[in-house]
Protein backbone atom coordinates (compact mmCIF):
# COMPACT_ATOMS: atom_id res chain seq x y z
CA MET A 1 -10.28 -25.58 -17.43
CA GLY A 2 -10.24 -23.48 -14.30
CA LEU A 3 -12.32 -20.98 -15.43
CA ARG A 4 -14.64 -18.57 -13.22
CA ALA A 5 -17.22 -15.45 -13.64
CA ILE A 6 -15.62 -12.24 -13.47
CA HIS A 7 -16.81 -8.62 -13.14
CA HIS A 8 -17.30 -6.60 -16.02
CA ASP A 9 -15.21 -3.83 -14.54
CA ASP A 10 -12.22 -6.80 -14.27
CA TRP A 11 -11.84 -7.59 -17.85
CA ILE A 12 -8.69 -5.64 -18.07
CA GLU A 13 -6.32 -4.76 -15.85
CA LEU A 14 -3.50 -2.15 -15.67
CA ASP A 15 -0.99 -1.64 -13.07
CA SER A 16 2.24 0.66 -12.02
CA GLN A 17 4.56 -1.63 -14.64
CA PHE A 18 1.93 0.01 -17.52
CA PRO A 19 4.91 1.81 -18.90
CA LYS A 20 7.54 -1.13 -18.94
CA PHE A 21 4.69 -3.20 -20.85
CA HIS A 22 4.04 -0.58 -22.96
CA ALA A 23 7.88 0.19 -24.19
CA GLU A 24 8.36 -3.54 -24.46
CA LYS A 25 5.35 -4.21 -26.68
CA ALA A 26 6.47 -0.73 -28.88
CA ARG A 27 9.66 -1.92 -29.55
CA ARG A 28 8.60 -5.55 -30.23
CA ILE A 29 6.32 -4.11 -33.05
CA ILE A 30 8.87 -2.27 -34.56
CA ASP A 31 11.43 -5.20 -34.27
CA ARG A 32 8.81 -7.93 -34.95
CA GLY A 33 5.37 -6.63 -35.51
CA GLU A 34 4.89 -8.87 -38.89
CA LYS A 35 5.71 -12.02 -36.94
CA CYS A 36 3.68 -11.53 -33.74
CA THR A 37 0.90 -9.19 -34.77
CA MET A 38 -1.66 -10.51 -37.73
CA THR A 39 -5.16 -10.60 -38.98
CA ALA A 40 -6.55 -12.70 -41.62
CA PRO A 41 -9.60 -11.02 -43.46
CA GLU A 42 -11.71 -12.86 -42.48
CA ALA A 43 -11.27 -11.56 -38.73
CA TYR A 44 -10.68 -8.27 -39.58
CA PRO A 45 -14.53 -7.22 -38.74
CA ALA A 46 -13.76 -8.98 -35.03
CA ALA A 47 -10.26 -6.82 -34.90
CA VAL A 48 -12.40 -3.72 -35.42
CA GLU A 49 -15.04 -4.93 -33.20
CA LEU A 50 -12.62 -5.66 -30.22
CA LEU A 51 -10.83 -1.66 -30.87
CA GLU A 52 -14.64 -0.43 -30.70
CA GLU A 53 -15.06 -2.45 -27.23
CA LEU A 54 -11.63 -0.88 -25.77
CA ALA A 55 -12.51 2.59 -26.46
CA ARG A 56 -15.28 2.54 -24.98
CA TYR A 57 -14.28 0.29 -21.89
CA LEU A 58 -11.01 2.09 -20.97
CA PRO A 59 -11.62 5.57 -20.37
CA ASP A 60 -14.92 4.60 -18.59
CA ARG A 61 -12.63 2.12 -16.20
CA TYR A 62 -9.53 4.28 -16.13
CA PRO A 63 -10.86 7.85 -16.70
CA THR A 64 -7.29 9.12 -15.13
CA LEU A 65 -5.83 7.06 -17.83
CA PHE A 66 -7.46 7.67 -21.17
CA ARG A 67 -10.24 10.20 -22.41
CA ARG A 68 -12.21 9.97 -25.61
CA THR A 69 -12.54 13.26 -27.70
CA GLU A 70 -15.66 14.69 -29.35
CA THR A 71 -13.57 14.06 -32.53
CA GLY A 72 -13.54 10.25 -32.07
CA LEU A 73 -10.29 10.33 -30.54
CA LEU A 74 -9.06 7.91 -27.93
CA VAL A 75 -6.10 9.84 -25.87
CA ASN A 76 -3.81 7.87 -23.46
CA LEU A 77 -3.34 10.64 -21.17
CA TRP A 78 -0.17 8.77 -19.59
CA SER A 79 1.77 8.34 -22.84
CA GLY A 80 0.07 11.10 -24.73
CA GLU A 81 -0.77 8.98 -27.76
CA SER A 82 -4.06 9.40 -29.24
CA PHE A 83 -5.66 6.91 -31.56
CA ASP A 84 -8.27 8.16 -33.99
CA VAL A 85 -10.55 4.70 -34.15
CA THR A 86 -13.62 6.07 -35.81
CA THR A 87 -12.14 7.12 -39.54
CA ARG A 88 -12.27 4.26 -41.85
CA PRO A 89 -9.46 3.31 -43.04
CA LEU A 90 -8.08 2.80 -39.96
CA ARG A 91 -4.25 4.37 -39.88
CA GLU A 92 -2.86 0.65 -38.01
CA GLY A 93 -4.44 -2.62 -38.15
CA PRO A 94 -7.19 -2.48 -35.17
CA ILE A 95 -5.38 -5.31 -33.37
CA THR A 96 -2.15 -3.59 -33.27
CA ILE A 97 -4.13 -0.69 -31.75
CA CYS A 98 -5.45 -2.37 -29.53
CA THR A 99 -2.46 -4.01 -28.29
CA ARG A 100 -0.80 -0.61 -27.82
CA LEU A 101 -3.95 0.08 -25.10
CA VAL A 102 -3.60 -2.32 -22.82
CA GLN A 103 -0.85 -4.84 -20.90
CA ASP A 104 -2.58 -7.51 -22.39
CA ASP A 105 -1.89 -9.63 -25.25
CA LEU A 106 -4.70 -10.35 -27.80
CA ALA A 107 -5.87 -13.18 -29.88
CA ILE A 108 -9.35 -13.65 -31.55
CA MET A 109 -11.24 -16.96 -32.52
CA VAL A 110 -13.23 -16.98 -35.54
CA LYS A 111 -15.97 -19.59 -35.85
CA ARG A 112 -16.01 -21.29 -39.25
CA GLU A 113 -18.70 -23.64 -40.99
CA ASP A 114 -17.38 -26.58 -39.50
CA GLY A 115 -18.39 -25.02 -36.18
CA GLN A 116 -14.69 -24.69 -35.13
CA TYR A 117 -13.04 -21.59 -33.69
CA TYR A 118 -10.09 -20.61 -35.42
CA LEU A 119 -6.82 -18.24 -34.42
CA LEU A 120 -7.32 -15.75 -37.34
CA SER A 121 -6.14 -12.17 -35.51
CA GLY A 122 -3.86 -12.09 -32.70
CA SER A 123 -1.30 -10.10 -31.18
CA ILE A 124 0.99 -11.81 -29.27
CA LEU A 125 3.93 -9.69 -28.22
CA LEU A 126 4.92 -10.86 -24.62
CA PRO A 127 4.29 -14.80 -25.18
CA GLY A 128 7.20 -16.16 -23.22
CA PHE A 129 7.50 -19.35 -25.15
CA TRP A 130 5.56 -19.54 -27.82
CA ARG A 131 5.08 -17.46 -31.25
CA LEU A 132 1.86 -16.51 -33.31
CA GLY A 133 3.43 -17.63 -36.51
CA ASP A 134 3.11 -21.29 -35.40
CA LYS A 135 -0.69 -21.39 -34.29
CA PHE A 136 -2.23 -18.98 -36.47
CA GLY A 137 -4.89 -20.20 -38.41
CA MET A 138 -5.11 -23.38 -36.46
CA ALA A 139 -8.43 -24.39 -34.75
CA LEU A 140 -8.84 -23.97 -30.89
CA SER A 141 -7.96 -27.67 -30.06
CA GLN A 142 -4.87 -28.46 -32.82
CA ILE A 143 -2.81 -24.94 -30.86
CA HIS A 144 -3.30 -27.08 -27.82
CA ALA A 145 -2.70 -30.70 -29.12
CA THR A 146 0.73 -29.07 -30.85
CA GLY A 147 1.38 -27.05 -27.76
CA ASN A 148 1.47 -30.36 -25.81
CA VAL A 149 -0.56 -29.32 -23.56
CA PRO A 150 -0.95 -31.94 -20.68
CA GLN A 151 -3.61 -33.95 -20.48
CA PHE A 152 -5.50 -31.81 -23.01
CA HIS A 153 -7.44 -34.74 -24.86
CA GLU A 154 -8.15 -36.58 -21.80
CA LYS A 155 -9.77 -33.89 -19.25
CA LEU A 156 -9.80 -30.23 -21.24
CA GLU A 157 -10.98 -31.02 -25.39
CA ALA A 158 -14.48 -31.84 -24.99
CA GLY A 159 -15.00 -28.99 -22.11
CA MET A 160 -13.76 -26.34 -24.15
CA GLY A 161 -15.97 -27.55 -27.01
CA LYS A 162 -19.08 -27.25 -25.36
CA PHE A 163 -18.33 -23.97 -23.23
CA PHE A 164 -17.41 -21.85 -26.37
CA ALA A 165 -20.67 -23.07 -27.88
CA ARG A 166 -22.53 -21.88 -25.26
CA LEU A 167 -20.70 -18.57 -24.07
CA ARG A 168 -22.73 -15.83 -24.68
CA PRO A 169 -22.36 -11.82 -25.39
CA GLY A 170 -21.64 -9.88 -22.08
CA GLU A 171 -20.68 -13.21 -20.13
CA LEU A 172 -16.96 -12.93 -19.15
CA TYR A 173 -14.54 -16.03 -17.67
CA ALA A 174 -11.15 -15.61 -16.47
CA ARG A 175 -8.07 -18.35 -15.74
CA HIS A 176 -5.02 -18.05 -14.23
CA ASN A 177 -1.93 -20.36 -14.83
CA TYR A 178 1.91 -19.45 -13.82
CA PHE A 179 5.04 -20.83 -14.95
CA MET A 180 8.79 -20.60 -13.64
CA GLN A 181 11.47 -18.92 -16.44
CA VAL A 182 14.87 -18.99 -15.70
CA ASP A 183 15.62 -15.68 -17.22
CA ASP A 184 14.40 -12.29 -17.51
CA GLY A 185 12.65 -11.73 -20.63
CA LEU A 186 9.22 -10.33 -20.54
CA GLY A 187 8.96 -10.99 -24.22
CA TRP A 188 10.68 -13.54 -25.09
CA SER A 189 12.53 -16.34 -22.55
CA HIS A 190 16.06 -16.34 -24.19
CA SER A 191 17.35 -19.24 -22.17
CA ILE A 192 15.25 -21.45 -24.49
CA GLY A 193 16.69 -20.41 -27.35
CA SER A 194 16.37 -17.76 -30.12
CA GLU A 195 12.85 -16.66 -30.74
CA ASP A 196 13.54 -17.54 -34.32
CA ALA A 197 15.14 -20.88 -34.14
CA PRO A 198 12.99 -23.94 -35.67
CA GLU A 199 10.94 -25.95 -33.03
CA GLU A 200 14.17 -28.79 -32.45
CA SER A 201 16.20 -26.05 -31.50
CA ARG A 202 14.56 -24.45 -28.96
CA GLY A 203 12.63 -25.16 -26.10
CA TRP A 204 13.37 -26.68 -22.47
CA LYS A 205 15.55 -29.07 -24.05
CA VAL A 206 17.99 -27.07 -24.82
CA VAL A 207 18.55 -24.65 -21.89
CA LYS A 208 21.61 -24.90 -20.42
CA GLU A 209 23.06 -24.85 -16.24
CA PRO A 210 25.17 -21.57 -16.30
CA GLU A 211 28.57 -21.61 -15.21
CA GLY A 212 28.87 -21.91 -11.35
CA GLY A 213 24.95 -23.60 -10.96
CA ARG A 214 21.90 -22.29 -10.99
CA SER A 215 20.67 -19.50 -8.19
CA VAL A 216 17.37 -18.45 -7.48
CA GLU A 217 17.90 -15.35 -8.44
CA ASP A 218 17.74 -16.32 -11.94
CA MET A 219 14.60 -17.57 -11.51
CA TRP A 220 11.59 -15.59 -12.11
CA PHE A 221 7.19 -16.15 -11.88
CA ARG A 222 5.46 -16.08 -15.02
CA SER A 223 1.49 -16.08 -14.59
CA GLU A 224 -0.72 -15.35 -17.21
CA ARG A 225 -4.75 -14.25 -16.71
CA GLN A 226 -6.89 -15.12 -19.48
CA THR A 227 -10.18 -13.89 -20.04
CA LEU A 228 -12.61 -15.02 -22.46
CA ARG A 229 -15.55 -13.40 -23.95
CA ARG A 230 -18.08 -13.12 -27.01
CA LEU A 231 -17.93 -10.04 -29.15
CA PRO A 232 -21.29 -8.78 -29.32
CA ARG A 233 -21.67 -8.21 -33.27
CA THR A 234 -19.28 -10.41 -34.83
CA GLY A 235 -19.66 -13.50 -32.29
CA ALA A 236 -15.62 -13.99 -32.49
CA VAL A 237 -14.15 -15.23 -28.83
CA VAL A 238 -11.55 -12.79 -27.44
CA PHE A 239 -8.71 -13.91 -25.24
CA THR A 240 -6.99 -11.10 -23.14
CA ILE A 241 -3.51 -12.88 -21.73
CA ARG A 242 -2.05 -10.77 -19.27
CA THR A 243 1.27 -11.59 -18.03
CA TYR A 244 2.34 -10.79 -14.34
CA PHE A 245 5.90 -10.95 -14.54
CA HIS A 246 8.29 -10.80 -11.14
CA PRO A 247 11.61 -12.22 -9.77
CA MET A 248 10.66 -15.94 -7.73
CA THR A 249 12.63 -13.81 -4.60
CA GLU A 250 10.30 -11.30 -4.43
CA VAL A 251 6.92 -13.60 -5.08
CA ALA A 252 8.56 -15.82 -2.13
CA ARG A 253 7.96 -12.77 0.01
CA GLU A 254 4.44 -12.99 0.10
CA ASP A 255 2.20 -14.50 3.10
CA TYR A 256 1.80 -18.30 2.42
CA VAL A 257 3.54 -18.35 -0.76
CA PRO A 258 6.67 -20.34 -0.58
CA GLY A 259 4.52 -23.07 1.57
CA ARG A 260 1.97 -23.23 -1.07
CA LEU A 261 3.88 -22.91 -4.33
CA ALA A 262 6.00 -25.89 -3.32
CA SER A 263 3.16 -27.84 -2.34
CA ALA A 264 1.40 -27.21 -5.80
CA ILE A 265 5.15 -27.85 -8.06
CA ARG A 266 5.55 -31.22 -5.51
CA SER A 267 2.35 -32.29 -7.27
CA TRP A 268 2.79 -31.64 -10.86
CA GLY A 269 2.66 -35.21 -13.01
CA PRO A 270 5.18 -36.36 -15.00
CA ASP A 271 3.55 -34.70 -18.16
CA VAL A 272 3.36 -31.34 -16.72
CA ARG A 273 7.12 -31.51 -14.94
CA ARG A 274 8.14 -31.80 -18.70
CA TYR A 275 5.90 -29.36 -20.14
CA LYS A 276 7.39 -26.32 -17.43
CA GLY A 277 10.58 -27.94 -17.51
CA LEU A 278 10.79 -28.65 -13.62
CA ASP A 279 14.25 -30.72 -14.11
CA LYS A 280 16.02 -27.44 -14.95
CA PHE A 281 15.25 -25.72 -11.37
CA GLU A 282 13.69 -28.26 -9.15
CA ARG A 283 16.40 -28.70 -6.87
CA VAL A 284 17.13 -24.81 -6.42
CA LEU A 285 13.61 -23.84 -5.89
CA LEU A 286 12.20 -26.55 -4.05
CA GLU A 287 15.22 -25.82 -1.60
CA TYR A 288 14.99 -21.97 -1.47
CA LEU A 289 10.85 -22.09 -0.73
CA ASP A 290 11.22 -24.80 1.71
CA LYS A 291 13.44 -22.57 4.01
CA GLU A 292 11.53 -19.06 2.98
CA HIS A 293 8.49 -21.52 4.37
CA GLN A 294 9.97 -22.45 7.39
CA LYS A 295 11.30 -18.45 8.06
CA GLN A 296 7.61 -17.51 7.96
CA ILE A 297 6.58 -20.00 10.29
CA GLU A 298 8.86 -19.11 12.78
CA ARG A 299 8.01 -15.64 12.60
CA GLY A 300 4.24 -16.86 13.82
CA LEU A 301 2.65 -16.98 10.60
CA ASP A 302 -0.97 -18.92 11.22
CA LEU A 303 -0.91 -21.88 9.04
CA SER A 304 -4.67 -22.62 9.98
CA ARG A 305 -5.66 -18.97 8.51
CA GLU A 306 -4.52 -20.02 4.96
CA GLY A 307 -8.04 -20.74 4.00
CA GLU A 308 -8.74 -16.87 4.67
CA MET A 309 -5.99 -15.38 2.79
CA ARG A 310 -6.32 -14.59 -1.28
CA ARG A 311 -5.65 -17.87 -3.26
CA TYR A 312 -2.15 -17.30 -4.77
CA PRO A 313 -0.45 -17.95 -6.98
CA TRP A 314 -3.69 -19.57 -8.69
């Protein structure tokens, strides 16, 4: 699963792109809110608990961005928004308020009597490649199976079940993944088809080669930082999904990254290659990464020190 324990202070990451993410989320809430933000009645208490957790956490962690007033308002000092998180009923769904406060997408898994965890609340506004409506109400194992996650049954399913069973409140874990995207759509990768198209009419299979051929300037590096924690009162498990989205030409300027990324891509097995759409960009991207790696070596990059540097991409 690639999980590692992290400190409580690292639960939510905000950066200089917060305004961009905030604006895109707000736009998509207006345009597609009912398709991207949902809460089943049985998950409502967990969504409220998540909101209460964020209302405590954000002013402490980011005091220059958030303030909690004596009357119970949570104020975003940058945007000027204020949210009444104490009066009931809430003026807006709790998961929607949560998603307005952070750059992350959010998913809440609730345990049912059969012992499985089900996706019963979520705000998935910046997914790139998948839709909340397709997964809502599914058990965790079904979500991954229907998403054709490579080697899920062989290597991940049993471990995930054990992890969820023993996860305790107060523990916090994170993992990362990464994808390539051949367009600049933060909310939805429009090159894979319309967000409202049926399954058979979207995906890597429908991606077309641009007239004149694809260039590296068309490619974006999309990495997700996912955190998992159990809420103490309801026992629900919360996923935060923080997307980092940058042009490939920008990412490749980082020391060691072109060589490391090219090596990782070449290690993908056939199932991962299909899952990540490698045939749509392999030749152009690897040729570019190899050239950038060679440039770094020629200007004096010490390959023997790579292990000392931050391991990126993860």
